[in-house]
Every structure is written in structure tokens, then in C-alpha cells.
Amino acid sequence: MHALCDIAVYTNHINLGFNQGTELRDPTGLLKGTGAKIRHVPITAAAELQNPALVALVSEAVEHALVETGGSPLKVRRLVSKIS
């Protein structure tokens, strides 16, 4: 299974994380982080989800996942982890 992304929820923002973020094109510099693979985009307002650059990142991440899985259809799965 190839995980596409994750959503980390914080008090004042969310991070939309891309598990293969270092392999994505990011001409506008939305991706943050210094890990070997993972990058994230901090989101502080719902309107930011309509950003064409973010939409392009998500689309590219889906295409990347399809290549990694040999074109298999993606199955939606979720894992909810709560840390207090």
C-alpha cells in the first residue's frame, strides 16, 4: 500500500503532509520540511485549500501514487490517531 498524504490537526492550523513530498514539483514553494521524504503544507484558512498550486500538488501526488502502485486503483483508508 502507498500512503498518499496525511492531515495533522493543530490548534491554529493543519498540516497537509505528502509522504513522497521530496519527489513532487513545487515551483511556488508551498512544501515545508527537511525530512528525507516527507514534506507538508501548513494551512491556516479554508480558502487556502482552493490555491491552484496546492491543487496541483495533490494531483501530482495522486499520479505519483498510481505510478508507485503500478496503476492500481487507490483505496481510501484512514487512521485516526489522537494525542492529548
N, C-alpha and C. Protein backbone atom coordinates (compact mmCIF):
# COMPACT_ATOMS: atom_id res chain seq x y z
N MET A 1 0.84 -1.18 0.00
CA MET A 1 0.00 0.00 0.00
C MET A 1 0.89 1.24 0.00
N HIS A 2 0.48 2.24 -0.71
CA HIS A 2 1.22 3.50 -0.81
C HIS A 2 0.38 4.60 -0.18
N ALA A 3 0.88 5.17 0.92
CA ALA A 3 0.15 6.26 1.58
C ALA A 3 0.38 7.54 0.79
N LEU A 4 -0.67 8.21 0.49
CA LEU A 4 -0.62 9.42 -0.33
C LEU A 4 -0.30 10.65 0.50
N CYS A 5 -1.05 10.87 1.56
CA CYS A 5 -0.84 12.06 2.37
C CYS A 5 -1.42 11.86 3.76
N ASP A 6 -1.17 12.83 4.61
CA ASP A 6 -1.74 12.81 5.95
C ASP A 6 -2.19 14.21 6.31
N ILE A 7 -3.09 14.29 7.26
CA ILE A 7 -3.57 15.58 7.74
C ILE A 7 -3.33 15.61 9.24
N ALA A 8 -2.48 16.51 9.68
CA ALA A 8 -2.21 16.70 11.10
C ALA A 8 -2.95 17.95 11.55
N VAL A 9 -3.75 17.80 12.59
CA VAL A 9 -4.59 18.90 13.08
C VAL A 9 -3.96 19.49 14.34
N TYR A 10 -3.77 20.79 14.31
CA TYR A 10 -3.23 21.54 15.44
C TYR A 10 -4.24 22.59 15.87
N THR A 11 -3.97 23.31 16.93
CA THR A 11 -4.91 24.30 17.45
C THR A 11 -5.23 25.39 16.44
N ASN A 12 -4.22 25.93 15.77
CA ASN A 12 -4.44 27.07 14.88
C ASN A 12 -4.20 26.80 13.40
N HIS A 13 -3.89 25.56 13.07
CA HIS A 13 -3.66 25.25 11.66
C HIS A 13 -3.69 23.74 11.47
N ILE A 14 -3.66 23.33 10.21
CA ILE A 14 -3.45 21.92 9.88
C ILE A 14 -2.23 21.84 8.99
N ASN A 15 -1.60 20.68 8.97
CA ASN A 15 -0.54 20.40 8.01
C ASN A 15 -1.04 19.31 7.07
N LEU A 16 -1.02 19.62 5.79
CA LEU A 16 -1.32 18.61 4.78
C LEU A 16 0.03 18.01 4.39
N GLY A 17 0.28 16.79 4.83
CA GLY A 17 1.57 16.15 4.62
C GLY A 17 1.58 15.25 3.40
N PHE A 18 2.67 15.29 2.67
CA PHE A 18 2.85 14.46 1.49
C PHE A 18 3.99 13.49 1.77
N ASN A 19 3.68 12.20 1.79
CA ASN A 19 4.66 11.19 2.18
C ASN A 19 5.82 11.07 1.20
N GLN A 20 5.63 11.45 -0.04
CA GLN A 20 6.70 11.46 -1.04
C GLN A 20 6.96 12.91 -1.49
N GLY A 21 6.86 13.83 -0.56
CA GLY A 21 6.92 15.25 -0.88
C GLY A 21 8.18 15.72 -1.57
N THR A 22 9.31 15.07 -1.28
CA THR A 22 10.56 15.50 -1.93
C THR A 22 10.58 15.17 -3.41
N GLU A 23 9.66 14.31 -3.85
CA GLU A 23 9.61 13.92 -5.26
C GLU A 23 8.60 14.73 -6.06
N LEU A 24 7.93 15.67 -5.42
CA LEU A 24 6.91 16.48 -6.10
C LEU A 24 7.51 17.80 -6.57
N ARG A 25 7.01 18.27 -7.71
CA ARG A 25 7.40 19.62 -8.19
C ARG A 25 6.68 20.64 -7.31
N ASP A 26 7.37 21.66 -6.94
CA ASP A 26 6.81 22.69 -6.06
C ASP A 26 7.34 24.06 -6.47
N PRO A 27 6.95 24.55 -7.66
CA PRO A 27 7.52 25.80 -8.16
C PRO A 27 7.17 27.02 -7.32
N THR A 28 6.10 26.97 -6.52
CA THR A 28 5.73 28.14 -5.72
C THR A 28 6.22 28.05 -4.28
N GLY A 29 6.89 26.96 -3.91
CA GLY A 29 7.48 26.84 -2.59
C GLY A 29 6.50 26.61 -1.45
N LEU A 30 5.40 25.91 -1.73
CA LEU A 30 4.43 25.62 -0.68
C LEU A 30 4.93 24.58 0.32
N LEU A 31 5.68 23.61 -0.16
CA LEU A 31 6.11 22.50 0.69
C LEU A 31 7.17 22.94 1.70
N LYS A 32 6.96 22.52 2.94
CA LYS A 32 7.89 22.84 4.03
C LYS A 32 8.40 21.53 4.63
N GLY A 33 9.55 21.61 5.30
CA GLY A 33 10.10 20.45 5.99
C GLY A 33 11.50 20.13 5.49
N THR A 34 12.19 19.32 6.29
CA THR A 34 13.57 18.97 5.97
C THR A 34 13.83 17.47 6.01
N GLY A 35 12.77 16.67 6.10
CA GLY A 35 12.93 15.22 6.17
C GLY A 35 13.44 14.63 4.87
N ALA A 36 13.83 13.37 4.92
CA ALA A 36 14.38 12.69 3.75
C ALA A 36 13.32 12.50 2.65
N LYS A 37 12.05 12.39 3.00
CA LYS A 37 10.98 12.16 2.01
C LYS A 37 9.77 13.06 2.21
N ILE A 38 9.34 13.23 3.46
CA ILE A 38 8.07 13.88 3.76
C ILE A 38 8.20 15.40 3.74
N ARG A 39 7.19 16.05 3.16
CA ARG A 39 7.04 17.50 3.20
C ARG A 39 5.59 17.79 3.54
N HIS A 40 5.33 19.00 4.03
CA HIS A 40 3.96 19.37 4.38
C HIS A 40 3.67 20.80 3.94
N VAL A 41 2.38 21.08 3.84
CA VAL A 41 1.91 22.43 3.54
C VAL A 41 1.07 22.87 4.73
N PRO A 42 1.49 23.92 5.44
CA PRO A 42 0.67 24.43 6.54
C PRO A 42 -0.55 25.18 5.98
N ILE A 43 -1.71 24.90 6.55
CA ILE A 43 -2.96 25.53 6.13
C ILE A 43 -3.55 26.25 7.33
N THR A 44 -3.78 27.55 7.21
CA THR A 44 -4.33 28.32 8.33
C THR A 44 -5.75 28.82 8.06
N ALA A 45 -6.21 28.73 6.81
CA ALA A 45 -7.56 29.18 6.46
C ALA A 45 -8.12 28.26 5.38
N ALA A 46 -9.42 28.00 5.46
CA ALA A 46 -10.06 27.10 4.49
C ALA A 46 -9.86 27.56 3.05
N ALA A 47 -9.81 28.85 2.83
CA ALA A 47 -9.65 29.38 1.48
C ALA A 47 -8.35 28.92 0.83
N GLU A 48 -7.33 28.62 1.64
CA GLU A 48 -6.05 28.17 1.10
C GLU A 48 -6.17 26.83 0.36
N LEU A 49 -7.22 26.07 0.67
CA LEU A 49 -7.41 24.78 0.02
C LEU A 49 -7.77 24.93 -1.45
N GLN A 50 -8.17 26.13 -1.86
CA GLN A 50 -8.50 26.41 -3.26
C GLN A 50 -7.31 26.91 -4.07
N ASN A 51 -6.17 27.05 -3.44
CA ASN A 51 -4.96 27.54 -4.11
C ASN A 51 -4.62 26.60 -5.27
N PRO A 52 -4.55 27.09 -6.50
CA PRO A 52 -4.23 26.24 -7.64
C PRO A 52 -2.90 25.48 -7.47
N ALA A 53 -1.94 26.08 -6.80
CA ALA A 53 -0.65 25.39 -6.59
C ALA A 53 -0.83 24.20 -5.66
N LEU A 54 -1.70 24.32 -4.66
CA LEU A 54 -1.96 23.20 -3.76
C LEU A 54 -2.74 22.11 -4.48
N VAL A 55 -3.72 22.51 -5.27
CA VAL A 55 -4.49 21.54 -6.06
C VAL A 55 -3.55 20.76 -6.99
N ALA A 56 -2.59 21.46 -7.60
CA ALA A 56 -1.62 20.80 -8.48
C ALA A 56 -0.74 19.82 -7.70
N LEU A 57 -0.34 20.17 -6.48
CA LEU A 57 0.46 19.26 -5.65
C LEU A 57 -0.32 17.98 -5.34
N VAL A 58 -1.58 18.14 -4.96
CA VAL A 58 -2.40 16.97 -4.65
C VAL A 58 -2.57 16.09 -5.89
N SER A 59 -2.83 16.71 -7.04
CA SER A 59 -2.98 15.94 -8.29
C SER A 59 -1.70 15.20 -8.64
N GLU A 60 -0.57 15.86 -8.48
CA GLU A 60 0.71 15.20 -8.77
C GLU A 60 0.97 14.06 -7.79
N ALA A 61 0.61 14.25 -6.52
CA ALA A 61 0.80 13.20 -5.53
C ALA A 61 -0.05 11.97 -5.87
N VAL A 62 -1.27 12.19 -6.37
CA VAL A 62 -2.13 11.07 -6.78
C VAL A 62 -1.48 10.34 -7.96
N GLU A 63 -1.02 11.08 -8.95
CA GLU A 63 -0.36 10.46 -10.11
C GLU A 63 0.89 9.70 -9.68
N HIS A 64 1.65 10.27 -8.77
CA HIS A 64 2.86 9.61 -8.27
C HIS A 64 2.50 8.29 -7.59
N ALA A 65 1.43 8.31 -6.79
CA ALA A 65 1.00 7.10 -6.08
C ALA A 65 0.55 6.03 -7.08
N LEU A 66 -0.12 6.44 -8.16
CA LEU A 66 -0.55 5.47 -9.17
C LEU A 66 0.65 4.82 -9.85
N VAL A 67 1.68 5.60 -10.12
CA VAL A 67 2.90 5.04 -10.71
C VAL A 67 3.54 4.06 -9.74
N GLU A 68 3.63 4.46 -8.47
CA GLU A 68 4.26 3.61 -7.45
C GLU A 68 3.52 2.30 -7.26
N THR A 69 2.20 2.30 -7.47
CA THR A 69 1.40 1.09 -7.26
C THR A 69 1.13 0.35 -8.57
N GLY A 70 1.79 0.75 -9.63
CA GLY A 70 1.59 0.09 -10.91
C GLY A 70 0.24 0.40 -11.54
N GLY A 71 -0.34 1.54 -11.18
CA GLY A 71 -1.62 1.93 -11.76
C GLY A 71 -2.82 1.33 -11.08
N SER A 72 -2.61 0.64 -9.97
CA SER A 72 -3.74 0.07 -9.24
C SER A 72 -4.65 1.17 -8.74
N PRO A 73 -5.95 0.91 -8.72
CA PRO A 73 -6.84 1.92 -8.16
C PRO A 73 -6.49 2.18 -6.70
N LEU A 74 -6.60 3.42 -6.33
CA LEU A 74 -6.32 3.79 -4.94
C LEU A 74 -7.49 3.41 -4.06
N LYS A 75 -7.22 2.87 -2.92
CA LYS A 75 -8.26 2.57 -1.94
C LYS A 75 -8.15 3.60 -0.83
N VAL A 76 -9.28 4.13 -0.46
CA VAL A 76 -9.29 5.13 0.61
C VAL A 76 -9.29 4.40 1.94
N ARG A 77 -8.32 4.71 2.73
CA ARG A 77 -8.24 4.16 4.07
C ARG A 77 -7.96 5.33 5.00
N ARG A 78 -8.29 5.15 6.24
CA ARG A 78 -7.96 6.21 7.17
C ARG A 78 -7.56 5.62 8.51
N LEU A 79 -6.73 6.36 9.17
CA LEU A 79 -6.28 6.02 10.51
C LEU A 79 -6.36 7.31 11.31
N VAL A 80 -7.06 7.25 12.40
CA VAL A 80 -7.18 8.43 13.25
C VAL A 80 -6.40 8.16 14.51
N SER A 81 -5.47 9.06 14.79
CA SER A 81 -4.65 8.94 15.99
C SER A 81 -4.80 10.23 16.78
N LYS A 82 -5.15 10.09 18.06
CA LYS A 82 -5.32 11.29 18.89
C LYS A 82 -4.25 11.30 19.95
N ILE A 83 -3.59 12.45 20.06
CA ILE A 83 -2.58 12.63 21.07
C ILE A 83 -3.03 13.77 21.97
N SER A 84 -3.08 13.51 23.25
CA SER A 84 -3.52 14.56 24.17
C SER A 84 -2.33 15.15 24.90
